[in-house]
PDB file of N, CA and C in Angstrom:
ATOM      1  N   UNK A   1      59.566 -32.550  -2.679  1.00  0.00           N
ATOM      2  CA  UNK A   1      58.172 -32.079  -2.628  1.00  0.00           C
ATOM      3  C   UNK A   1      58.921 -30.914  -1.547  1.00  0.00           C
ATOM      4  N   UNK A   2      59.342 -31.334  -0.473  1.00  0.00           N
ATOM      5  CA  UNK A   2      60.510 -30.398  -0.123  1.00  0.00           C
ATOM      6  C   UNK A   2      61.380 -29.285  -1.126  1.00  0.00           C
ATOM      7  N   UNK A   3      61.450 -29.176  -1.562  1.00  0.00           N
ATOM      8  CA  UNK A   3      62.655 -28.885  -3.209  1.00  0.00           C
ATOM      9  C   UNK A   3      61.339 -27.405  -3.803  1.00  0.00           C
ATOM     10  N   UNK A   4      59.691 -28.345  -3.801  1.00  0.00           N
ATOM     11  CA  UNK A   4      59.020 -27.973  -4.643  1.00  0.00           C
ATOM     12  C   UNK A   4      58.491 -26.074  -3.588  1.00  0.00           C
ATOM     13  N   UNK A   5      58.613 -26.411  -2.523  1.00  0.00           N
ATOM     14  CA  UNK A   5      58.317 -25.619  -1.225  1.00  0.00           C
ATOM     15  C   UNK A   5      58.839 -24.577  -1.160  1.00  0.00           C
ATOM     16  N   UNK A   6      60.536 -24.639  -1.463  1.00  0.00           N
ATOM     17  CA  UNK A   6      61.659 -23.958  -1.118  1.00  0.00           C
ATOM     18  C   UNK A   6      61.504 -23.309  -2.635  1.00  0.00           C
ATOM     19  N   UNK A   7      60.875 -23.554  -3.634  1.00  0.00           N
ATOM     20  CA  UNK A   7      60.966 -22.628  -4.919  1.00  0.00           C
ATOM     21  C   UNK A   7      60.509 -21.982  -4.991  1.00  0.00           C
ATOM     22  N   UNK A   8      58.630 -22.555  -4.274  1.00  0.00           N
ATOM     23  CA  UNK A   8      57.925 -21.122  -4.413  1.00  0.00           C
ATOM     24  C   UNK A   8      57.639 -20.226  -2.986  1.00  0.00           C
ATOM     25  N   UNK A   9      57.488 -19.050  -3.260  1.00  0.00           N
ATOM     26  CA  UNK A   9      56.922 -18.408  -1.040  1.00  0.00           C
ATOM     27  C   UNK A   9      55.525 -18.864  -0.797  1.00  0.00           C
ATOM     28  N   UNK A  10      55.571 -18.630  -0.087  1.00  0.00           N
ATOM     29  CA  UNK A  10      54.079 -19.492   0.748  1.00  0.00           C
ATOM     30  C   UNK A  10      53.262 -18.469   0.366  1.00  0.00           C
ATOM     31  N   UNK A  11      53.426 -17.150  -0.173  1.00  0.00           N
ATOM     32  CA  UNK A  11      51.838 -16.303  -1.420  1.00  0.00           C
ATOM     33  C   UNK A  11      52.067 -16.704  -2.542  1.00  0.00           C
ATOM     34  N   UNK A  12      52.790 -17.465  -3.404  1.00  0.00           N
ATOM     35  CA  UNK A  12      52.502 -18.418  -4.179  1.00  0.00           C
ATOM     36  C   UNK A  12      52.009 -19.293  -4.095  1.00  0.00           C
ATOM     37  N   UNK A  13      51.806 -19.432  -3.283  1.00  0.00           N
ATOM     38  CA  UNK A  13      50.728 -20.778  -2.669  1.00  0.00           C
ATOM     39  C   UNK A  13      49.547 -20.763  -2.193  1.00  0.00           C
ATOM     40  N   UNK A  14      49.392 -20.084  -1.568  1.00  0.00           N
ATOM     41  CA  UNK A  14      48.626 -18.937  -1.395  1.00  0.00           C
ATOM     42  C   UNK A  14      47.409 -18.700  -2.533  1.00  0.00           C
ATOM     43  N   UNK A  15      48.267 -18.301  -3.866  1.00  0.00           N
ATOM     44  CA  UNK A  15      47.320 -17.574  -4.410  1.00  0.00           C
ATOM     45  C   UNK A  15      46.979 -18.762  -5.404  1.00  0.00           C
ATOM     46  N   UNK A  16      47.953 -19.810  -5.887  1.00  0.00           N
ATOM     47  CA  UNK A  16      47.437 -21.180  -6.374  1.00  0.00           C
ATOM     48  C   UNK A  16      46.399 -21.977  -5.550  1.00  0.00           C
ATOM     49  N   UNK A  17      46.438 -21.910  -4.435  1.00  0.00           N
ATOM     50  CA  UNK A  17      45.448 -22.272  -4.090  1.00  0.00           C
ATOM     51  C   UNK A  17      43.781 -21.632  -3.540  1.00  0.00           C
ATOM     52  N   UNK A  18      43.740 -20.045  -3.762  1.00  0.00           N
ATOM     53  CA  UNK A  18      42.590 -19.307  -4.089  1.00  0.00           C
ATOM     54  C   UNK A  18      41.943 -19.950  -5.272  1.00  0.00           C
ATOM     55  N   UNK A  19      42.910 -19.618  -6.574  1.00  0.00           N
ATOM     56  CA  UNK A  19      42.784 -19.865  -7.794  1.00  0.00           C
ATOM     57  C   UNK A  19      42.335 -21.109  -7.953  1.00  0.00           C
ATOM     58  N   UNK A  20      42.340 -22.531  -6.952  1.00  0.00           N
ATOM     59  CA  UNK A  20      41.989 -23.288  -7.128  1.00  0.00           C
ATOM     60  C   UNK A  20      40.488 -23.797  -6.864  1.00  0.00           C
ATOM     61  N   UNK A  21      40.168 -23.466  -5.850  1.00  0.00           N
ATOM     62  CA  UNK A  21      39.006 -22.787  -5.079  1.00  0.00           C
ATOM     63  C   UNK A  21      38.475 -21.828  -5.309  1.00  0.00           C
ATOM     64  N   UNK A  22      38.525 -21.027  -6.014  1.00  0.00           N
ATOM     65  CA  UNK A  22      37.704 -20.086  -7.137  1.00  0.00           C
ATOM     66  C   UNK A  22      37.329 -21.393  -7.590  1.00  0.00           C
ATOM     67  N   UNK A  23      38.099 -22.019  -9.231  1.00  0.00           N
ATOM     68  CA  UNK A  23      37.821 -23.353  -9.931  1.00  0.00           C
ATOM     69  C   UNK A  23      36.473 -23.498  -8.716  1.00  0.00           C
ATOM     70  N   UNK A  24      36.888 -24.807  -8.309  1.00  0.00           N
ATOM     71  CA  UNK A  24      35.949 -25.867  -8.171  1.00  0.00           C
ATOM     72  C   UNK A  24      34.762 -25.059  -7.519  1.00  0.00           C
ATOM     73  N   UNK A  25      34.541 -24.232  -6.307  1.00  0.00           N
ATOM     74  CA  UNK A  25      32.916 -23.426  -6.587  1.00  0.00           C
ATOM     75  C   UNK A  25      32.595 -22.909  -7.396  1.00  0.00           C
ATOM     76  N   UNK A  26      33.120 -22.356  -8.841  1.00  0.00           N
ATOM     77  CA  UNK A  26      32.140 -22.053  -9.565  1.00  0.00           C
ATOM     78  C   UNK A  26      31.699 -23.038 -10.305  1.00  0.00           C
ATOM     79  N   UNK A  27      32.746 -24.187 -10.965  1.00  0.00           N
ATOM     80  CA  UNK A  27      31.666 -25.509 -10.959  1.00  0.00           C
ATOM     81  C   UNK A  27      30.881 -25.913 -10.405  1.00  0.00           C
ATOM     82  N   UNK A  28      31.386 -26.203  -9.158  1.00  0.00           N
ATOM     83  CA  UNK A  28      29.753 -26.608  -8.714  1.00  0.00           C
ATOM     84  C   UNK A  28      28.543 -25.463  -8.419  1.00  0.00           C
ATOM     85  N   UNK A  29      28.364 -24.217  -8.717  1.00  0.00           N
ATOM     86  CA  UNK A  29      28.146 -23.596  -8.732  1.00  0.00           C
ATOM     87  C   UNK A  29      26.832 -23.529 -10.325  1.00  0.00           C
ATOM     88  N   UNK A  30      27.930 -23.905 -10.921  1.00  0.00           N
ATOM     89  CA  UNK A  30      27.360 -24.385 -12.187  1.00  0.00           C
ATOM     90  C   UNK A  30      26.722 -25.269 -12.555  1.00  0.00           C
ATOM     91  N   UNK A  31      26.952 -26.691 -12.136  1.00  0.00           N
ATOM     92  CA  UNK A  31      26.578 -27.942 -11.755  1.00  0.00           C
ATOM     93  C   UNK A  31      25.522 -27.701 -11.521  1.00  0.00           C
ATOM     94  N   UNK A  32      25.536 -26.443  -9.930  1.00  0.00           N
ATOM     95  CA  UNK A  32      23.567 -26.598  -9.336  1.00  0.00           C
ATOM     96  C   UNK A  32      22.630 -25.751 -10.058  1.00  0.00           C
ATOM     97  N   UNK A  33      23.458 -25.536 -10.691  1.00  0.00           N
ATOM     98  CA  UNK A  33      22.320 -23.867 -11.851  1.00  0.00           C
ATOM     99  C   UNK A  33      21.574 -25.299 -12.942  1.00  0.00           C
ATOM    100  N   UNK A  34      22.600 -25.813 -12.941  1.00  0.00           N
ATOM    101  CA  UNK A  34      22.112 -26.280 -14.597  1.00  0.00           C
ATOM    102  C   UNK A  34      21.206 -27.664 -13.933  1.00  0.00           C
ATOM    103  N   UNK A  35      21.423 -28.096 -12.889  1.00  0.00           N
ATOM    104  CA  UNK A  35      20.484 -29.016 -12.316  1.00  0.00           C
ATOM    105  C   UNK A  35      19.434 -28.754 -11.963  1.00  0.00           C
ATOM    106  N   UNK A  36      19.352 -26.970 -11.439  1.00  0.00           N
ATOM    107  CA  UNK A  36      17.942 -26.605 -11.654  1.00  0.00           C
ATOM    108  C   UNK A  36      17.637 -27.055  -9.718  1.00  0.00           C
ATOM    109  N   UNK A  37      19.148 -26.929  -9.305  1.00  0.00           N
ATOM    110  CA  UNK A  37      19.292 -26.586  -7.466  1.00  0.00           C
ATOM    111  C   UNK A  37      19.010 -25.264  -7.064  1.00  0.00           C
ATOM    112  N   UNK A  38      20.206 -24.366  -7.960  1.00  0.00           N
ATOM    113  CA  UNK A  38      19.700 -23.230  -7.806  1.00  0.00           C
ATOM    114  C   UNK A  38      19.130 -22.236  -9.027  1.00  0.00           C
ATOM    115  N   UNK A  39      18.935 -21.112  -9.299  1.00  0.00           N
ATOM    116  CA  UNK A  39      18.527 -20.010  -9.831  1.00  0.00           C
ATOM    117  C   UNK A  39      19.453 -19.168 -10.779  1.00  0.00           C
ATOM    118  N   UNK A  40      19.545 -18.890 -11.327  1.00  0.00           N
ATOM    119  CA  UNK A  40      20.992 -18.392 -11.926  1.00  0.00           C
ATOM    120  C   UNK A  40      21.217 -17.405 -10.855  1.00  0.00           C
ATOM    121  N   UNK A  41      21.017 -16.617  -9.850  1.00  0.00           N
ATOM    122  CA  UNK A  41      21.141 -15.214  -9.330  1.00  0.00           C
ATOM    123  C   UNK A  41      21.433 -16.195  -8.177  1.00  0.00           C
ATOM    124  N   UNK A  42      20.494 -16.662  -7.594  1.00  0.00           N
ATOM    125  CA  UNK A  42      21.368 -18.172  -6.647  1.00  0.00           C
ATOM    126  C   UNK A  42      22.749 -18.459  -6.703  1.00  0.00           C
ATOM    127  N   UNK A  43      22.524 -19.841  -7.878  1.00  0.00           N
ATOM    128  CA  UNK A  43      24.210 -20.199  -8.259  1.00  0.00           C
ATOM    129  C   UNK A  43      25.021 -19.057  -7.984  1.00  0.00           C
ATOM    130  N   UNK A  44      24.872 -17.387  -8.636  1.00  0.00           N
ATOM    131  CA  UNK A  44      26.175 -16.425  -8.929  1.00  0.00           C
ATOM    132  C   UNK A  44      25.961 -16.092  -6.722  1.00  0.00           C
ATOM    133  N   UNK A  45      25.224 -15.600  -5.944  1.00  0.00           N
ATOM    134  CA  UNK A  45      25.533 -15.229  -5.277  1.00  0.00           C
ATOM    135  C   UNK A  45      26.263 -16.257  -4.138  1.00  0.00           C
ATOM    136  N   UNK A  46      25.592 -17.875  -4.017  1.00  0.00           N
ATOM    137  CA  UNK A  46      26.891 -18.997  -3.569  1.00  0.00           C
ATOM    138  C   UNK A  46      28.457 -18.513  -4.051  1.00  0.00           C
ATOM    139  N   UNK A  47      28.250 -18.245  -5.628  1.00  0.00           N
ATOM    140  CA  UNK A  47      29.557 -18.632  -5.675  1.00  0.00           C
ATOM    141  C   UNK A  47      30.534 -16.820  -5.475  1.00  0.00           C
ATOM    142  N   UNK A  48      29.383 -16.254  -5.554  1.00  0.00           N
ATOM    143  CA  UNK A  48      30.681 -14.985  -4.828  1.00  0.00           C
ATOM    144  C   UNK A  48      30.951 -15.289  -3.183  1.00  0.00           C
ATOM    145  N   UNK A  49      29.821 -15.699  -2.580  1.00  0.00           N
ATOM    146  CA  UNK A  49      29.985 -15.268  -1.247  1.00  0.00           C
ATOM    147  C   UNK A  49      30.973 -17.168  -0.541  1.00  0.00           C
ATOM    148  N   UNK A  50      30.754 -17.486  -1.756  1.00  0.00           N
ATOM    149  CA  UNK A  50      31.571 -18.922  -1.402  1.00  0.00           C
ATOM    150  C   UNK A  50      33.010 -19.472  -1.355  1.00  0.00           C
ATOM    151  N   UNK A  51      32.418 -18.955  -3.014  1.00  0.00           N
ATOM    152  CA  UNK A  51      34.217 -18.916  -3.538  1.00  0.00           C
ATOM    153  C   UNK A  51      35.356 -17.549  -3.795  1.00  0.00           C
ATOM    154  N   UNK A  52      34.374 -16.092  -3.842  1.00  0.00           N
ATOM    155  CA  UNK A  52      35.201 -15.182  -3.823  1.00  0.00           C
ATOM    156  C   UNK A  52      35.832 -14.667  -3.020  1.00  0.00           C
ATOM    157  N   UNK A  53      34.536 -14.842  -1.232  1.00  0.00           N
ATOM    158  CA  UNK A  53      35.176 -13.929  -0.279  1.00  0.00           C
ATOM    159  C   UNK A  53      36.166 -14.093   1.178  1.00  0.00           C
ATOM    160  N   UNK A  54      36.252 -15.634   0.880  1.00  0.00           N
ATOM    161  CA  UNK A  54      37.448 -16.519   1.238  1.00  0.00           C
ATOM    162  C   UNK A  54      38.820 -16.110   1.104  1.00  0.00           C
ATOM    163  N   UNK A  55      38.836 -16.274  -0.470  1.00  0.00           N
ATOM    164  CA  UNK A  55      40.434 -15.851  -0.811  1.00  0.00           C
ATOM    165  C   UNK A  55      40.282 -15.054  -0.884  1.00  0.00           C
ATOM    166  N   UNK A  56      39.735 -14.631  -1.064  1.00  0.00           N
ATOM    167  CA  UNK A  56      40.277 -12.243  -1.370  1.00  0.00           C
ATOM    168  C   UNK A  56      40.579 -12.541   0.530  1.00  0.00           C
ATOM    169  N   UNK A  57      39.621 -12.657   1.204  1.00  0.00           N
ATOM    170  CA  UNK A  57      39.926 -12.215   2.471  1.00  0.00           C
ATOM    171  C   UNK A  57      41.176 -12.658   2.948  1.00  0.00           C
ATOM    172  N   UNK A  58      41.228 -14.017   2.932  1.00  0.00           N
ATOM    173  CA  UNK A  58      42.529 -14.598   3.452  1.00  0.00           C
ATOM    174  C   UNK A  58      44.172 -14.212   2.418  1.00  0.00           C
ATOM    175  N   UNK A  59      43.861 -13.640   1.131  1.00  0.00           N
ATOM    176  CA  UNK A  59      45.138 -12.954   0.698  1.00  0.00           C
ATOM    177  C   UNK A  59      45.020 -11.375   0.834  1.00  0.00           C
ATOM    178  N   UNK A  60      43.716 -11.206   1.629  1.00  0.00           N
ATOM    179  CA  UNK A  60      44.125  -9.074   1.856  1.00  0.00           C
ATOM    180  C   UNK A  60      44.955  -9.242   3.066  1.00  0.00           C
ATOM    181  N   UNK A  61      44.094 -10.532   3.714  1.00  0.00           N
ATOM    182  CA  UNK A  61      44.848  -9.835   5.668  1.00  0.00           C
ATOM    183  C   UNK A  61      46.513 -10.671   5.245  1.00  0.00           C
ATOM    184  N   UNK A  62      47.164 -11.327   4.407  1.00  0.00           N
ATOM    185  CA  UNK A  62      48.429 -11.608   4.188  1.00  0.00           C
ATOM    186  C   UNK A  62      49.851 -10.629   4.621  1.00  0.00           C
ATOM    187  N   UNK A  63      50.202 -10.525   5.526  1.00  0.00           N
ATOM    188  CA  UNK A  63      51.200  -9.344   5.393  1.00  0.00           C
ATOM    189  C   UNK A  63      52.234  -9.385   4.001  1.00  0.00           C
ATOM    190  N   UNK A  64      52.610  -8.259   3.669  1.00  0.00           N
ATOM    191  CA  UNK A  64      53.171  -7.788   2.437  1.00  0.00           C
ATOM    192  C   UNK A  64      54.309  -8.476   2.503  1.00  0.00           C
ATOM    193  N   UNK A  65      55.450  -9.342   1.616  1.00  0.00           N
ATOM    194  CA  UNK A  65      56.703  -9.962   2.102  1.00  0.00           C
ATOM    195  C   UNK A  65      58.089  -8.498   2.331  1.00  0.00           C
ATOM    196  N   UNK A  66      58.270  -8.241   2.535  1.00  0.00           N
ATOM    197  CA  UNK A  66      59.219  -6.953   2.589  1.00  0.00           C
ATOM    198  C   UNK A  66      61.366  -8.272   1.694  1.00  0.00           C
ATOM    199  N   UNK A  67      61.252  -7.606   1.067  1.00  0.00           N
ATOM    200  CA  UNK A  67      63.047  -8.132   0.270  1.00  0.00           C
ATOM    201  C   UNK A  67      63.322  -7.411   0.064  1.00  0.00           C
TER     202      UNK A  67
END
């Protein structure tokens, strides 16, 4: 596991976690819409606020690596 962490830099890992989070929240929003817990607009709004904004803001706030 340590070797895997050394092969990828922190930016790559952060991007992978962000994409996984986006897909997970998107799946939850679709399930909530399909089970009629949320309307289509409500599911989209929840996905944007809970799924898109946190990873986007976290990646935006990361320092740019100097190579």
